[in-house]
Protein backbone atom coordinates (compact mmCIF):
# COMPACT_ATOMS: atom_id res chain seq x y z
CA UNK A 1 -122.87 -61.35 65.87
CA UNK A 2 -121.84 -62.59 69.31
CA UNK A 3 -118.78 -64.64 70.27
CA UNK A 4 -119.07 -66.35 73.62
CA UNK A 5 -116.49 -69.10 73.11
CA UNK A 6 -113.00 -68.35 71.82
CA UNK A 7 -111.32 -71.22 69.95
CA UNK A 8 -107.68 -71.69 69.00
CA UNK A 9 -108.07 -70.46 65.42
CA UNK A 10 -109.63 -67.19 66.56
CA UNK A 11 -107.01 -66.65 69.28
CA UNK A 12 -104.27 -67.26 66.71
CA UNK A 13 -105.78 -64.66 64.38
CA UNK A 14 -105.99 -62.18 67.28
CA UNK A 15 -102.32 -62.77 68.12
CA UNK A 16 -101.20 -62.29 64.53
CA UNK A 17 -103.21 -59.06 64.25
CA UNK A 18 -101.79 -57.85 67.57
CA UNK A 19 -98.24 -58.57 66.40
CA UNK A 20 -98.90 -56.82 63.09
CA UNK A 21 -100.33 -53.73 64.78
CA UNK A 22 -97.33 -53.58 67.13
CA UNK A 23 -94.98 -53.78 64.14
CA UNK A 24 -96.81 -50.90 62.48
CA UNK A 25 -96.37 -48.70 65.53
CA UNK A 26 -92.90 -49.76 66.68
CA UNK A 27 -91.24 -46.53 65.54
CA UNK A 28 -93.77 -44.43 67.41
CA UNK A 29 -93.16 -46.51 70.54
CA UNK A 30 -89.39 -46.12 70.12
CA UNK A 31 -89.91 -42.33 70.06
CA UNK A 32 -91.48 -42.43 73.54
CA UNK A 33 -88.11 -43.20 75.10
CA UNK A 34 -87.66 -40.89 78.10
CA UNK A 35 -84.01 -40.03 77.45
CA UNK A 36 -83.52 -38.16 74.17
CA UNK A 37 -80.70 -40.52 73.21
CA UNK A 38 -80.54 -42.39 69.90
CA UNK A 39 -81.17 -45.77 71.53
CA UNK A 40 -84.89 -45.71 72.24
CA UNK A 41 -85.62 -49.26 71.16
CA UNK A 42 -88.60 -50.40 73.26
CA UNK A 43 -90.81 -50.64 70.20
CA UNK A 44 -88.14 -52.46 68.21
CA UNK A 45 -87.51 -54.95 71.01
CA UNK A 46 -91.20 -55.63 71.62
CA UNK A 47 -91.80 -55.95 67.88
CA UNK A 48 -88.97 -58.47 67.34
CA UNK A 49 -90.05 -60.40 70.45
CA UNK A 50 -93.73 -60.52 69.42
CA UNK A 51 -92.77 -61.42 65.85
CA UNK A 52 -90.94 -64.46 67.18
CA UNK A 53 -94.07 -65.45 69.11
CA UNK A 54 -96.29 -64.92 66.08
CA UNK A 55 -94.06 -67.15 63.94
CA UNK A 56 -94.60 -70.00 66.40
CA UNK A 57 -98.35 -69.40 66.35
CA UNK A 58 -98.38 -69.59 62.53
CA UNK A 59 -96.99 -73.12 62.77
CA UNK A 60 -99.83 -74.42 64.96
CA UNK A 61 -102.24 -76.68 63.10
CA UNK A 62 -104.61 -77.39 65.99
CA UNK A 63 -107.80 -75.52 66.87
CA UNK A 64 -106.96 -75.60 70.59
CA UNK A 65 -106.66 -72.41 72.64
CA UNK A 66 -104.11 -73.86 75.06
CA UNK A 67 -101.85 -75.09 72.27
CA UNK A 68 -101.94 -71.72 70.52
CA UNK A 69 -101.19 -69.85 73.75
CA UNK A 70 -98.30 -72.20 74.56
CA UNK A 71 -96.78 -71.68 71.12
CA UNK A 72 -96.97 -67.91 71.61
CA UNK A 73 -95.27 -68.26 74.98
CA UNK A 74 -92.50 -70.44 73.54
CA UNK A 75 -91.79 -68.07 70.65
CA UNK A 76 -91.78 -65.03 72.90
CA UNK A 77 -89.49 -66.68 75.42
CA UNK A 78 -86.78 -67.45 72.89
CA UNK A 79 -87.20 -64.25 70.89
CA UNK A 80 -87.37 -61.87 73.85
CA UNK A 81 -85.11 -58.81 73.44
CA UNK A 82 -84.52 -56.08 75.98
CA UNK A 83 -86.35 -55.65 79.26
CA UNK A 84 -89.59 -54.77 77.51
CA UNK A 85 -89.43 -57.93 75.40
CA UNK A 86 -88.66 -60.12 78.40
CA UNK A 87 -91.54 -58.62 80.42
CA UNK A 88 -93.86 -59.10 77.44
CA UNK A 89 -92.78 -62.75 77.26
CA UNK A 90 -93.54 -63.16 80.96
CA UNK A 91 -96.99 -61.59 80.58
CA UNK A 92 -97.94 -64.12 77.92
CA UNK A 93 -96.17 -66.92 79.76
CA UNK A 94 -98.53 -66.46 82.69
CA UNK A 95 -101.44 -65.92 80.29
CA UNK A 96 -100.77 -69.21 78.49
CA UNK A 97 -100.20 -71.17 81.71
CA UNK A 98 -103.70 -70.26 82.88
CA UNK A 99 -105.42 -71.71 79.80
CA UNK A 100 -102.98 -74.41 78.65
CA UNK A 101 -105.51 -77.24 79.13
CA UNK A 102 -108.51 -75.51 77.58
CA UNK A 103 -109.74 -76.15 74.04
CA UNK A 104 -112.02 -73.09 74.08
CA UNK A 105 -112.35 -70.27 76.62
CA UNK A 106 -114.94 -67.80 77.92
CA UNK A 107 -114.44 -64.15 78.81
CA UNK A 108 -113.96 -65.22 82.44
CA UNK A 109 -111.21 -67.62 81.36
CA UNK A 110 -109.58 -64.82 79.36
CA UNK A 111 -109.78 -62.53 82.40
CA UNK A 112 -108.10 -65.16 84.58
CA UNK A 113 -105.38 -65.53 81.94
CA UNK A 114 -104.75 -61.77 81.93
CA UNK A 115 -104.46 -61.85 85.72
CA UNK A 116 -102.05 -64.79 85.52
CA UNK A 117 -99.97 -62.87 83.01
CA UNK A 118 -99.70 -59.79 85.21
CA UNK A 119 -98.80 -61.86 88.27
CA UNK A 120 -96.08 -63.78 86.41
CA UNK A 121 -94.58 -60.58 84.99
CA UNK A 122 -94.41 -58.90 88.42
CA UNK A 123 -92.65 -61.95 89.88
CA UNK A 124 -90.08 -61.89 87.07
CA UNK A 125 -88.95 -58.35 87.90
CA UNK A 126 -86.77 -58.00 90.99
CA UNK A 127 -87.92 -54.46 91.78
CA UNK A 128 -91.21 -53.77 89.97
CA UNK A 129 -91.74 -50.10 89.11
CA UNK A 130 -95.24 -48.66 88.80
CA UNK A 131 -96.03 -46.47 85.82
CA UNK A 132 -94.63 -49.06 83.41
CA UNK A 133 -95.90 -51.92 81.25
CA UNK A 134 -96.37 -53.88 84.48
CA UNK A 135 -98.95 -51.39 85.73
CA UNK A 136 -100.83 -51.41 82.43
CA UNK A 137 -100.92 -55.23 82.39
CA UNK A 138 -102.08 -55.43 86.01
CA UNK A 139 -104.74 -52.70 85.88
CA UNK A 140 -106.18 -53.98 82.61
CA UNK A 141 -106.32 -57.49 84.12
CA UNK A 142 -107.99 -56.21 87.29
CA UNK A 143 -110.59 -54.30 85.28
CA UNK A 144 -111.27 -57.39 83.17
CA UNK A 145 -112.71 -59.23 86.19
CA UNK A 146 -115.68 -56.88 86.49
CA UNK A 147 -116.06 -56.66 82.71
CA UNK A 148 -116.21 -60.47 82.41
CA UNK A 149 -118.94 -60.59 85.08
CA UNK A 150 -121.13 -58.39 82.87
CA UNK A 151 -120.02 -59.49 79.39
CA UNK A 152 -119.90 -63.01 78.01
CA UNK A 153 -119.49 -61.68 74.47
CA UNK A 154 -115.82 -61.29 73.55
CA UNK A 155 -116.10 -58.13 71.46
CA UNK A 156 -117.47 -55.84 74.22
CA UNK A 157 -115.24 -57.67 76.70
CA UNK A 158 -112.03 -56.95 74.78
CA UNK A 159 -113.28 -53.40 74.12
CA UNK A 160 -113.46 -52.95 77.89
CA UNK A 161 -109.97 -54.39 78.37
CA UNK A 162 -108.54 -52.04 75.75
CA UNK A 163 -110.22 -49.03 77.37
CA UNK A 164 -108.90 -50.06 80.80
CA UNK A 165 -105.39 -50.48 79.37
CA UNK A 166 -105.56 -47.06 77.70
CA UNK A 167 -106.75 -45.46 80.93
CA UNK A 168 -103.87 -47.06 82.82
CA UNK A 169 -101.38 -45.97 80.15
CA UNK A 170 -102.64 -42.39 80.29
CA UNK A 171 -102.02 -42.38 84.04
CA UNK A 172 -98.43 -43.68 83.88
CA UNK A 173 -96.90 -40.15 84.05
CA UNK A 174 -98.67 -39.66 87.40
CA UNK A 175 -96.95 -42.74 88.79
CA UNK A 176 -93.51 -42.23 87.29
CA UNK A 177 -92.32 -38.63 87.68
CA UNK A 178 -89.71 -38.82 84.92
CA UNK A 179 -92.47 -39.56 82.39
CA UNK A 180 -94.38 -36.50 83.55
CA UNK A 181 -91.26 -34.33 83.40
CA UNK A 182 -90.59 -35.29 79.79
CA UNK A 183 -94.27 -35.35 78.80
CA UNK A 184 -94.66 -38.92 77.53
CA UNK A 185 -96.49 -42.09 78.54
CA UNK A 186 -94.61 -45.32 79.22
CA UNK A 187 -93.32 -46.85 76.01
CA UNK A 188 -93.68 -50.47 77.13
CA UNK A 189 -97.23 -49.81 78.28
CA UNK A 190 -97.98 -48.25 74.90
CA UNK A 191 -96.66 -51.40 73.24
CA UNK A 192 -99.01 -53.61 75.27
CA UNK A 193 -101.98 -51.37 74.50
CA UNK A 194 -101.08 -51.60 70.81
CA UNK A 195 -101.17 -55.41 70.96
CA UNK A 196 -104.55 -55.36 72.71
CA UNK A 197 -105.85 -52.95 70.05
CA UNK A 198 -104.81 -55.49 67.44
CA UNK A 199 -106.75 -58.21 69.29
CA UNK A 200 -109.88 -56.06 69.22
CA UNK A 201 -109.49 -55.04 65.57
CA UNK A 202 -109.36 -58.70 64.59
CA UNK A 203 -112.52 -59.60 66.50
CA UNK A 204 -114.40 -56.67 64.99
CA UNK A 205 -113.15 -57.45 61.50
CA UNK A 206 -111.52 -54.05 61.15
CA UNK A 207 -108.76 -53.43 58.66
CA UNK A 208 -105.60 -51.84 60.03
CA UNK A 209 -103.29 -49.82 57.74
CA UNK A 210 -100.75 -51.83 55.79
CA UNK A 211 -97.29 -52.12 57.30
CA UNK A 212 -95.83 -50.20 54.37
CA UNK A 213 -97.84 -47.11 55.34
CA UNK A 214 -95.97 -46.60 58.58
CA UNK A 215 -92.58 -48.30 58.36
CA UNK A 216 -89.90 -47.68 55.73
CA UNK A 217 -88.22 -50.39 53.70
CA UNK A 218 -84.89 -49.55 55.38
CA UNK A 219 -86.42 -50.18 58.82
CA UNK A 220 -87.82 -53.52 57.71
CA UNK A 221 -84.52 -54.57 56.14
CA UNK A 222 -82.67 -53.63 59.34
CA UNK A 223 -85.13 -55.64 61.42
CA UNK A 224 -84.78 -58.60 59.06
CA UNK A 225 -80.98 -58.50 59.24
CA UNK A 226 -81.19 -57.98 63.00
CA UNK A 227 -82.74 -61.42 63.28
CA UNK A 228 -79.71 -63.05 61.65
CA UNK A 229 -77.25 -64.34 64.24
CA UNK A 230 -73.95 -64.19 62.38
CA UNK A 231 -71.77 -65.28 65.28
CA UNK A 232 -73.44 -68.68 65.54
CA UNK A 233 -73.42 -70.06 62.02
CA UNK A 234 -70.81 -71.32 59.62
CA UNK A 235 -70.18 -69.44 56.39
CA UNK A 236 -70.98 -72.59 54.40
CA UNK A 237 -74.38 -72.79 56.13
CA UNK A 238 -75.59 -69.61 54.41
CA UNK A 239 -78.03 -71.04 51.88
CA UNK A 240 -78.68 -67.85 49.92
CA UNK A 241 -75.46 -65.89 49.56
CA UNK A 242 -76.44 -62.54 48.09
CA UNK A 243 -78.35 -59.77 49.86
CA UNK A 244 -80.17 -58.21 46.92
CA UNK A 245 -82.01 -54.90 46.94
CA UNK A 246 -83.49 -53.13 43.96
CA UNK A 247 -86.33 -50.89 42.87
CA UNK A 248 -88.50 -51.16 39.79
CA UNK A 249 -89.94 -48.03 38.22
CA UNK A 250 -93.23 -48.97 36.56
CA UNK A 251 -93.50 -48.57 32.76
CA UNK A 252 -96.91 -48.55 31.09
CA UNK A 253 -95.96 -50.67 28.08
CA UNK A 254 -94.53 -53.42 30.25
CA UNK A 255 -97.50 -53.32 32.64
CA UNK A 256 -99.82 -53.73 29.67
CA UNK A 257 -98.07 -56.99 28.84
CA UNK A 258 -97.51 -58.08 32.46
CA UNK A 259 -100.08 -56.53 34.86
CA UNK A 260 -98.51 -56.16 38.31
CA UNK A 261 -99.84 -58.46 41.04
CA UNK A 262 -97.91 -57.91 44.27
CA UNK A 263 -98.93 -61.20 45.88
CA UNK A 264 -97.99 -63.23 42.78
CA UNK A 265 -94.66 -61.35 42.48
CA UNK A 266 -93.92 -61.97 46.14
CA UNK A 267 -94.71 -65.68 45.78
CA UNK A 268 -92.34 -66.00 42.80
CA UNK A 269 -89.52 -64.31 44.69
CA UNK A 270 -90.14 -66.40 47.80
CA UNK A 271 -89.31 -69.54 45.80
CA UNK A 272 -85.88 -68.08 45.00
CA UNK A 273 -84.70 -67.20 48.51
CA UNK A 274 -85.59 -65.88 51.94
CA UNK A 275 -85.72 -62.68 54.06
CA UNK A 276 -88.11 -61.32 51.46
CA UNK A 277 -89.66 -57.86 51.69
CA UNK A 278 -91.74 -56.31 48.90
CA UNK A 279 -93.22 -52.80 49.09
CA UNK A 280 -95.02 -51.09 46.22
CA UNK A 281 -97.02 -47.96 45.43
CA UNK A 282 -98.36 -46.38 42.25
CA UNK A 283 -94.89 -45.70 40.81
CA UNK A 284 -92.39 -48.11 42.31
CA UNK A 285 -91.66 -51.55 43.68
CA UNK A 286 -88.99 -51.91 46.38
CA UNK A 287 -87.51 -55.37 46.89
CA UNK A 288 -85.16 -56.89 49.46
CA UNK A 289 -84.37 -60.61 49.24
CA UNK A 290 -81.55 -63.04 49.98
CA UNK A 291 -80.98 -65.22 46.89
CA UNK A 292 -78.30 -67.30 45.24
CA UNK A 293 -78.76 -65.77 41.78
CA UNK A 294 -79.53 -62.02 42.05
CA UNK A 295 -79.93 -61.59 38.30
CA UNK A 296 -82.89 -63.93 38.20
CA UNK A 297 -84.72 -61.91 40.87
CA UNK A 298 -84.06 -58.68 39.02
CA UNK A 299 -85.23 -60.19 35.72
CA UNK A 300 -88.58 -60.90 37.35
CA UNK A 301 -88.82 -57.26 38.37
CA UNK A 302 -87.96 -56.03 34.88
CA UNK A 303 -91.23 -57.41 33.56
CA UNK A 304 -92.94 -54.42 35.16
CA UNK A 305 -90.48 -51.61 34.41
CA UNK A 306 -86.89 -50.43 34.63
CA UNK A 307 -84.45 -51.28 37.41
CA UNK A 308 -83.10 -48.48 39.64
CA UNK A 309 -81.04 -48.30 42.86
CA UNK A 310 -79.63 -51.81 42.68
CA UNK A 311 -77.43 -53.16 45.50
CA UNK A 312 -75.95 -56.65 45.81
CA UNK A 313 -73.77 -57.80 48.73
CA UNK A 314 -71.99 -61.13 49.10
CA UNK A 315 -73.08 -62.25 52.57
CA UNK A 316 -70.60 -65.13 52.68
CA UNK A 317 -67.72 -62.71 52.26
CA UNK A 318 -69.26 -60.38 54.85
CA UNK A 319 -69.75 -63.22 57.29
CA UNK A 320 -66.19 -64.46 56.91
CA UNK A 321 -64.79 -60.98 57.56
CA UNK A 322 -67.04 -60.45 60.57
CA UNK A 323 -66.50 -63.69 62.42
CA UNK A 324 -63.29 -64.91 60.78
CA UNK A 325 -65.02 -68.19 59.97
CA UNK A 326 -64.22 -69.16 63.54
CA UNK A 327 -65.93 -72.51 63.55
CA UNK A 328 -64.18 -73.65 60.40
CA UNK A 329 -60.78 -72.45 61.57
CA UNK A 330 -61.04 -73.70 65.15
CA UNK A 331 -63.16 -76.85 65.55
CA UNK A 332 -64.43 -77.37 69.07
CA UNK A 333 -62.97 -80.00 71.31
CA UNK A 334 -65.41 -82.69 72.41
CA UNK A 335 -64.50 -81.96 76.04
CA UNK A 336 -65.99 -78.87 77.68
CA UNK A 337 -63.76 -76.26 79.26
CA UNK A 338 -64.09 -75.62 82.98
CA UNK A 339 -65.17 -71.99 82.41
CA UNK A 340 -66.63 -69.92 79.61
CA UNK A 341 -67.30 -66.19 79.57
CA UNK A 342 -69.98 -64.57 77.40
CA UNK A 343 -70.07 -60.81 77.00
CA UNK A 344 -72.06 -58.36 74.89
CA UNK A 345 -70.22 -55.52 73.17
CA UNK A 346 -70.68 -52.86 70.52
CA UNK A 347 -67.83 -51.94 68.20
CA UNK A 348 -64.92 -54.01 66.88
CA UNK A 349 -62.42 -52.31 69.18
CA UNK A 350 -64.42 -53.11 72.31
CA UNK A 351 -64.92 -56.68 71.10
CA UNK A 352 -61.13 -57.10 70.81
CA UNK A 353 -60.65 -55.63 74.30
CA UNK A 354 -63.08 -58.14 75.79
CA UNK A 355 -61.35 -61.00 73.97
CA UNK A 356 -57.98 -59.81 75.28
CA UNK A 357 -59.45 -59.87 78.80
CA UNK A 358 -60.46 -63.52 78.41
CA UNK A 359 -63.97 -63.50 76.97
CA UNK A 360 -64.84 -66.78 75.23
CA UNK A 361 -67.78 -65.53 73.16
CA UNK A 362 -68.49 -61.88 72.39
CA UNK A 363 -71.95 -61.07 71.02
CA UNK A 364 -72.09 -57.94 68.92
CA UNK A 365 -74.99 -56.00 70.41
CA UNK A 366 -75.98 -53.27 72.80
CA UNK A 367 -77.99 -50.11 72.27
CA UNK A 368 -80.57 -50.41 69.45
CA UNK A 369 -79.60 -54.04 68.85
CA UNK A 370 -80.29 -56.01 72.02
CA UNK A 371 -79.58 -59.75 71.63
CA UNK A 372 -82.55 -62.03 72.26
CA UNK A 373 -82.87 -64.77 74.85
CA UNK A 374 -82.15 -67.24 72.06
CA UNK A 375 -79.02 -65.33 70.97
CA UNK A 376 -77.73 -65.47 74.54
CA UNK A 377 -78.69 -69.14 74.90
CA UNK A 378 -76.73 -69.95 71.74
CA UNK A 379 -73.75 -67.98 73.06
CA UNK A 380 -73.80 -69.99 76.29
CA UNK A 381 -73.73 -73.19 74.22
CA UNK A 382 -70.98 -71.76 72.01
CA UNK A 383 -68.84 -71.14 75.11
CA UNK A 384 -68.70 -74.96 75.41
CA UNK A 385 -67.99 -74.94 79.12
CA UNK A 386 -69.20 -76.58 82.32
CA UNK A 387 -69.70 -73.19 83.97
CA UNK A 388 -70.45 -69.94 82.16
CA UNK A 389 -70.34 -66.33 83.30
CA UNK A 390 -72.49 -63.86 81.33
CA UNK A 391 -71.86 -60.10 81.29
CA UNK A 392 -74.70 -58.23 79.49
CA UNK A 393 -73.01 -54.78 79.76
CA UNK A 394 -76.34 -53.05 79.23
CA UNK A 395 -79.25 -52.66 81.63
CA UNK A 396 -81.68 -53.56 78.85
CA UNK A 397 -80.05 -56.97 78.30
CA UNK A 398 -79.81 -58.19 81.91
CA UNK A 399 -83.29 -59.76 82.02
CA UNK A 400 -82.81 -61.61 78.72
CA UNK A 401 -79.47 -62.92 80.04
CA UNK A 402 -81.14 -64.16 83.22
CA UNK A 403 -83.85 -65.83 81.17
CA UNK A 404 -81.20 -67.54 79.01
CA UNK A 405 -79.39 -68.69 82.17
CA UNK A 406 -82.56 -70.40 83.39
CA UNK A 407 -82.83 -72.30 80.10
CA UNK A 408 -79.20 -73.46 80.05
CA UNK A 409 -78.19 -77.05 80.78
CA UNK A 410 -74.93 -75.97 82.45
CA UNK A 411 -74.17 -73.77 85.46
CA UNK A 412 -74.57 -70.12 84.51
CA UNK A 413 -74.08 -66.95 86.57
CA UNK A 414 -75.19 -63.59 85.23
CA UNK A 415 -73.04 -60.66 86.34
CA UNK A 416 -75.55 -57.79 85.91
CA UNK A 417 -73.14 -55.30 84.33
CA UNK A 418 -75.03 -52.34 82.88
CA UNK A 419 -72.20 -50.63 80.99
CA UNK A 420 -69.11 -51.59 79.00
CA UNK A 421 -66.75 -50.23 81.73
CA UNK A 422 -68.55 -52.30 84.35
CA UNK A 423 -68.14 -55.41 82.22
CA UNK A 424 -64.45 -54.77 81.61
CA UNK A 425 -63.79 -54.08 85.27
CA UNK A 426 -65.67 -57.21 86.33
CA UNK A 427 -63.67 -59.38 83.92
CA UNK A 428 -60.46 -58.35 85.66
CA UNK A 429 -61.73 -60.13 88.76
CA UNK A 430 -62.25 -63.51 87.10
CA UNK A 431 -60.32 -66.35 88.76
CA UNK A 432 -60.35 -69.67 86.86
CA UNK A 433 -59.49 -71.52 90.08
CA UNK A 434 -62.48 -70.15 92.05
CA UNK A 435 -66.02 -71.53 92.02
CA UNK A 436 -68.95 -69.79 90.32
CA UNK A 437 -70.28 -68.03 93.44
CA UNK A 438 -66.86 -66.73 94.48
CA UNK A 439 -66.22 -65.39 90.99
CA UNK A 440 -69.59 -63.69 90.89
CA UNK A 441 -68.99 -62.03 94.27
CA UNK A 442 -65.55 -60.72 93.29
CA UNK A 443 -66.72 -59.52 89.89
CA UNK A 444 -69.68 -57.69 91.45
CA UNK A 445 -67.32 -55.98 93.90
CA UNK A 446 -65.03 -54.75 91.12
CA UNK A 447 -67.98 -53.70 88.98
CA UNK A 448 -69.31 -51.49 91.77
CA UNK A 449 -66.04 -49.55 91.96
CA UNK A 450 -66.03 -48.21 88.39
CA UNK A 451 -67.78 -45.04 87.21
CA UNK A 452 -69.16 -44.82 83.66
CA UNK A 453 -69.39 -41.68 81.55
CA UNK A 454 -70.85 -41.49 78.04
CA UNK A 455 -71.03 -38.79 75.38
CA UNK A 456 -73.85 -39.05 72.84
CA UNK A 457 -76.26 -36.75 71.02
CA UNK A 458 -79.90 -35.77 71.54
CA UNK A 459 -82.54 -36.93 69.08
CA UNK A 460 -85.10 -34.34 70.18
CA UNK A 461 -85.56 -31.20 72.25
CA UNK A 462 -86.42 -31.95 75.85
CA UNK A 463 -86.01 -30.84 79.44
CA UNK A 464 -84.86 -33.39 81.98
CA UNK A 465 -83.10 -33.26 85.35
CA UNK A 466 -83.11 -29.46 85.14
CA UNK A 467 -81.27 -29.38 81.81
CA UNK A 468 -82.62 -27.85 78.60
CA UNK A 469 -81.42 -30.16 75.84
CA UNK A 470 -81.57 -29.26 72.15
CA UNK A 471 -81.91 -31.76 69.33
CA UNK A 472 -78.52 -32.50 67.79
CA UNK A 473 -76.56 -31.21 70.80
CA UNK A 474 -74.24 -33.51 72.73
CA UNK A 475 -75.04 -34.90 76.17
CA UNK A 476 -72.79 -36.16 78.94
CA UNK A 477 -74.23 -39.07 80.93
CA UNK A 478 -72.74 -39.95 84.32
CA UNK A 479 -73.79 -43.43 85.50
CA UNK A 480 -77.13 -43.16 83.73
CA UNK A 481 -77.90 -39.53 84.59
CA UNK A 482 -77.66 -36.75 82.01
CA UNK A 483 -75.53 -34.09 83.66
CA UNK A 484 -73.99 -32.02 80.83
CA UNK A 485 -74.99 -30.76 77.40
CA UNK A 486 -73.47 -28.53 74.74
CA UNK A 487 -73.44 -28.18 70.96
CA UNK A 488 -69.76 -29.21 71.03
CA UNK A 489 -68.71 -32.77 71.89
CA UNK A 490 -65.34 -31.75 73.35
CA UNK A 491 -66.88 -29.13 75.64
CA UNK A 492 -69.45 -31.66 76.81
CA UNK A 493 -66.75 -34.23 77.49
CA UNK A 494 -64.66 -31.77 79.53
CA UNK A 495 -67.69 -30.76 81.61
CA UNK A 496 -68.64 -34.38 82.27
CA UNK A 497 -65.12 -35.39 83.31
CA UNK A 498 -64.86 -32.40 85.66
CA UNK A 499 -68.07 -33.56 87.29
CA UNK A 500 -67.03 -37.19 87.60
CA UNK A 501 -63.29 -37.24 88.41
CA UNK A 502 -62.29 -37.08 92.06
CA UNK A 503 -58.65 -35.96 92.35
CA UNK A 504 -58.19 -37.64 95.72
CA UNK A 505 -59.67 -41.06 94.87
CA UNK A 506 -59.58 -41.74 91.13
CA UNK A 507 -56.42 -43.17 89.61
CA UNK A 508 -57.22 -44.50 86.13
CA UNK A 509 -59.24 -43.08 83.25
CA UNK A 510 -59.89 -45.32 80.24
CA UNK A 511 -61.34 -43.68 77.15
CA UNK A 512 -63.09 -45.67 74.39
CA UNK A 513 -63.48 -43.58 71.26
CA UNK A 514 -66.47 -44.05 68.93
CA UNK A 515 -66.62 -45.15 65.32
CA UNK A 516 -66.57 -41.56 64.04
CA UNK A 517 -63.82 -40.31 66.36
CA UNK A 518 -61.96 -37.18 65.26
CA UNK A 519 -58.20 -37.60 65.87
CA UNK A 520 -57.66 -33.89 66.49
CA UNK A 521 -60.52 -33.76 69.01
CA UNK A 522 -59.21 -36.87 70.81
CA UNK A 523 -55.74 -35.29 71.03
CA UNK A 524 -57.24 -32.08 72.48
CA UNK A 525 -59.17 -34.09 75.04
CA UNK A 526 -56.04 -36.00 76.03
CA UNK A 527 -54.10 -32.73 76.48
CA UNK A 528 -56.89 -31.30 78.63
CA UNK A 529 -56.86 -34.35 80.91
CA UNK A 530 -53.06 -34.37 81.27
CA UNK A 531 -53.02 -30.67 82.17
CA UNK A 532 -56.01 -30.80 84.52
CA UNK A 533 -55.41 -34.15 86.24
CA UNK A 534 -51.63 -34.62 86.43
CA UNK A 535 -51.73 -37.73 88.62
CA UNK A 536 -54.39 -39.55 86.60
CA UNK A 537 -53.24 -42.49 84.45
CA UNK A 538 -54.95 -42.26 81.05
CA UNK A 539 -55.50 -45.06 78.51
CA UNK A 540 -57.15 -44.42 75.13
CA UNK A 541 -58.52 -47.22 72.96
CA UNK A 542 -60.37 -47.17 69.65
CA UNK A 543 -63.64 -48.75 70.72
CA UNK A 544 -65.36 -48.27 67.37
CA UNK A 545 -68.75 -48.14 69.10
CA UNK A 546 -71.77 -46.51 67.42
CA UNK A 547 -73.98 -43.88 69.09
CA UNK A 548 -71.45 -42.88 71.76
CA UNK A 549 -68.62 -40.53 70.77
CA UNK A 550 -66.78 -41.43 73.98
CA UNK A 551 -67.19 -43.94 76.77
CA UNK A 552 -65.25 -43.13 79.95
CA UNK A 553 -64.24 -45.66 82.60
CA UNK A 554 -63.07 -44.02 85.85
CA UNK A 555 -61.55 -46.02 88.70
């Protein structure tokens, strides 16, 4: 069978298969993170971004290639999370632009679209780095030109594109020394290859392993909850109030009366609520669903066996405690404020600090949970101001913030803060009487004067920057560079501070303690600092942040 013209229906099926294959492999892609820190979320970000694009594609009812491609671009744009997700959205933005007017396309058209995608993505990145997803997109697109000259059949054409992308991916460690040092290929490039592999599998009619084979129920539930934007909804808007999880252990006598049909069971549950996930094997069914009447969902499950591991949470109560039912308590004025400030934070303590410094809207996010372009767009609207300043406070959120700024209908300036200390320092420079450009300039100046230290733990053994790092040991990171490691957090913290603090220049040390902070350890650290750096002013706050035992701000 040959396929020389690609229509909208076929492209849509390719996209859905590509998104599914990416979802299956997202954990593997996360594990390719260069730093052995517990925040390797490239696969997660690309998966959530591509899932948003796929949802738009599912809603297309036209057999038109351009329409399908545009819907993918729209979904990716709004769902883009992290730098990898934003770059992926730009790749398919350029791809869709090239074929937006075409009802069907040839291999040459597809090649031109790939080239358009690579060009658009490179333009979107201020300082493109080779050995990344950009390289894989560009080299696969370049190779596709010659392949399209020889092949007008889509199956061998896409086979050639996949092989070219794999070849480029394999070479990424030669272009980016840090990849070679750690012994991995680029994670974003791997994500793109995975999508292309899904395209090819669809055209060839190949079956890929089910999602349940590679991703746990917990991961899927976390991803599902991740998509909920609790800060931008009213408690009364939650349609299905109970997050319900349970397992059913199959029983032969019940199965004899009610044979188990997963698809039929899933359809019945879907009529009761949303955020539905059903996973089953020979012995068990695992269910996660948001419903209004949990007992009814469980009763359905009991037809097949006995209930085990039940968990029900009242999401309305959770939502009220998280956001304080802000919209209900404080209705917005019709008139917009002159200024609004949007920041991203992780941890309740840090959120309160940002609010005390004047932040209008604080998005809970950061490592492992990057807000999407849409999340940031909604936050800009929520600020309800004529001019809005956005502080991402994480290098992996800057591009999504800039994308959200472009979509806004008010003046927005992104202050490209890459750490929590940078964001806090920048906020101190905000002047409500100054214009947007003057504020941005002053905030950038203050941001550049702060040093950031972080203490976290290693998720694998590795060697980087001349350090041998063991899984489970602590690491000290100075402005993005791992410079200390030890099995003891306190020892690591002391080493890092000795490396970072300059007795002659530094005056203030602010310490943000993590969610699992040990009071005795914090007291020991404070004593060490007071004895070692007598002239240094020290402030300690309960940040409540995950992942990082301590965050240090040195000025």
